[in-house]
């Protein structure tokens, strides 16, 4: 860019209050992409799990594939969330109870989805893939 054009760009940035180094770092792109919460992106009102409530986590499945989550209506001290990686199992001991505050220790990527209301599911791969959808059948439990 010629010096005169470069000066014009800098002047426009200064007038708008924007700060720009000329290089975009990956973390800046992520901040822009994640400016909305998951609930805002999905167009739903957030329904955060109550502090101290429990979710079902398939600890033995961690790292075996994409992260899946589904939320039934809360019952007693549970918040309705069931989260696993890879393939879902029908084994009675597949899910273990976990206080919601401890999920970040096991699956930090899943924490931002916990405010999705009952009836919602998510699927993420920790990379580029992210999907959130409503599944009415989850409310009929």
Protein backbone atom coordinates (compact mmCIF):
# COMPACT_ATOMS: atom_id res chain seq x y z
CA UNK A 1 0.00 0.00 0.00
CA UNK A 2 1.39 3.41 -0.79
CA UNK A 3 2.16 5.70 2.18
CA UNK A 4 -0.68 8.08 1.41
CA UNK A 5 -3.31 5.31 1.28
CA UNK A 6 -1.87 3.75 4.44
CA UNK A 7 -2.17 7.10 6.24
CA UNK A 8 -5.81 7.43 5.11
CA UNK A 9 -6.62 3.97 6.54
CA UNK A 10 -4.93 4.82 9.85
CA UNK A 11 -6.86 8.10 10.04
CA UNK A 12 -10.20 6.30 9.50
CA UNK A 13 -9.32 3.77 12.21
CA UNK A 14 -8.34 6.55 14.60
CA UNK A 15 -11.59 8.41 13.94
CA UNK A 16 -13.70 5.29 14.53
CA UNK A 17 -11.82 4.41 17.72
CA UNK A 18 -10.91 1.01 16.30
CA UNK A 19 -7.57 -0.53 17.11
CA UNK A 20 -6.04 -2.80 14.54
CA UNK A 21 -2.50 -4.06 14.31
CA UNK A 22 -2.72 -5.08 10.66
CA UNK A 23 -2.54 -8.75 11.60
CA UNK A 24 -5.45 -10.88 12.73
CA UNK A 25 -4.52 -13.50 15.28
CA UNK A 26 -6.60 -16.72 15.56
CA UNK A 27 -7.73 -15.85 19.10
CA UNK A 28 -9.19 -12.57 17.76
CA UNK A 29 -11.18 -14.50 15.17
CA UNK A 30 -12.55 -16.80 17.89
CA UNK A 31 -13.61 -13.81 19.99
CA UNK A 32 -15.51 -12.42 17.06
CA UNK A 33 -17.08 -15.77 16.22
CA UNK A 34 -18.09 -16.34 19.85
CA UNK A 35 -19.50 -12.87 20.48
CA UNK A 36 -22.95 -14.46 20.92
CA UNK A 37 -23.77 -16.98 23.60
CA UNK A 38 -24.98 -20.39 22.46
CA UNK A 39 -28.53 -19.46 23.52
CA UNK A 40 -28.42 -16.19 21.58
CA UNK A 41 -27.17 -18.06 18.52
CA UNK A 42 -29.96 -20.66 18.91
CA UNK A 43 -32.56 -17.95 19.54
CA UNK A 44 -33.70 -19.29 22.93
CA UNK A 45 -33.95 -17.92 26.45
CA UNK A 46 -31.19 -19.37 28.65
CA UNK A 47 -32.19 -21.76 31.43
CA UNK A 48 -29.01 -22.20 33.45
CA UNK A 49 -28.70 -25.29 35.64
CA UNK A 50 -29.10 -24.55 39.32
CA UNK A 51 -25.86 -24.40 41.31
CA UNK A 52 -25.20 -27.73 42.98
CA UNK A 53 -27.47 -29.62 40.57
CA UNK A 54 -26.24 -32.85 39.00
CA UNK A 55 -25.85 -33.96 35.41
CA UNK A 56 -25.04 -37.36 33.94
CA UNK A 57 -21.54 -37.62 32.48
CA UNK A 58 -20.16 -40.69 30.72
CA UNK A 59 -16.66 -40.28 32.12
CA UNK A 60 -15.33 -43.48 30.52
CA UNK A 61 -16.30 -42.16 27.07
CA UNK A 62 -14.23 -38.97 27.27
CA UNK A 63 -11.96 -38.51 24.28
CA UNK A 64 -13.64 -41.25 22.23
CA UNK A 65 -15.30 -38.95 19.70
CA UNK A 66 -17.50 -35.87 19.36
CA UNK A 67 -19.17 -34.45 22.45
CA UNK A 68 -22.93 -35.04 22.66
CA UNK A 69 -25.32 -33.45 25.11
CA UNK A 70 -29.06 -33.64 25.64
CA UNK A 71 -31.29 -32.05 28.24
CA UNK A 72 -34.44 -33.54 29.74
CA UNK A 73 -36.58 -31.53 32.16
CA UNK A 74 -34.93 -31.20 35.59
CA UNK A 75 -36.08 -33.62 38.30
CA UNK A 76 -35.27 -33.19 42.00
CA UNK A 77 -31.52 -32.41 42.29
CA UNK A 78 -30.70 -33.12 38.63
CA UNK A 79 -30.65 -30.49 35.88
CA UNK A 80 -31.61 -32.85 33.03
CA UNK A 81 -28.25 -32.86 31.21
CA UNK A 82 -26.64 -36.07 29.93
CA UNK A 83 -23.26 -35.66 28.23
CA UNK A 84 -21.02 -38.22 26.54
CA UNK A 85 -18.40 -38.62 23.82
CA UNK A 86 -18.52 -40.96 20.85
CA UNK A 87 -21.22 -43.63 20.83
CA UNK A 88 -24.11 -43.71 23.32
CA UNK A 89 -24.37 -46.87 25.39
CA UNK A 90 -27.48 -48.41 26.95
CA UNK A 91 -25.44 -49.79 29.87
CA UNK A 92 -26.96 -48.94 33.26
CA UNK A 93 -23.66 -47.50 34.49
CA UNK A 94 -22.79 -45.48 31.35
CA UNK A 95 -23.59 -42.15 33.05
CA UNK A 96 -22.24 -41.12 36.44
CA UNK A 97 -23.68 -38.23 38.45
CA UNK A 98 -21.56 -35.08 38.52
CA UNK A 99 -22.20 -31.70 40.08
CA UNK A 100 -22.53 -29.09 37.34
CA UNK A 101 -19.65 -27.05 38.78
CA UNK A 102 -17.21 -29.90 38.03
CA UNK A 103 -17.98 -30.31 34.32
CA UNK A 104 -15.27 -27.79 33.35
CA UNK A 105 -12.66 -30.16 34.80
CA UNK A 106 -13.73 -32.95 32.43
CA UNK A 107 -15.23 -31.23 29.36
CA UNK A 108 -14.60 -27.47 29.36
CA UNK A 109 -15.91 -27.20 25.78
CA UNK A 110 -19.37 -28.35 26.89
CA UNK A 111 -19.85 -25.76 29.66
CA UNK A 112 -21.10 -22.98 27.37
CA UNK A 113 -24.01 -25.21 26.21
CA UNK A 114 -25.42 -25.84 29.68
CA UNK A 115 -27.83 -22.88 29.58
CA UNK A 116 -29.75 -24.39 26.67
CA UNK A 117 -33.28 -25.14 27.90
CA UNK A 118 -34.75 -28.61 28.37
CA UNK A 119 -35.50 -30.27 25.04
CA UNK A 120 -32.25 -29.15 23.42
CA UNK A 121 -29.30 -31.17 22.20
CA UNK A 122 -25.82 -30.25 21.07
CA UNK A 123 -23.03 -31.95 19.16
CA UNK A 124 -19.51 -30.51 18.98
CA UNK A 125 -16.20 -31.92 17.85
CA UNK A 126 -13.84 -29.46 19.54
CA UNK A 127 -12.83 -28.11 16.14
CA UNK A 128 -15.04 -26.57 13.49
CA UNK A 129 -18.28 -28.51 13.96
CA UNK A 130 -21.05 -27.27 16.23
CA UNK A 131 -24.75 -28.09 16.10
CA UNK A 132 -27.64 -27.24 18.42
CA UNK A 133 -31.23 -28.37 17.88
CA UNK A 134 -34.55 -28.87 19.64
CA UNK A 135 -35.82 -32.43 20.15
CA UNK A 136 -39.40 -32.48 21.50
CA UNK A 137 -39.06 -36.16 22.51
CA UNK A 138 -36.65 -35.11 25.28
CA UNK A 139 -39.52 -33.34 27.05
CA UNK A 140 -41.70 -36.45 27.07
CA UNK A 141 -39.81 -38.42 29.69
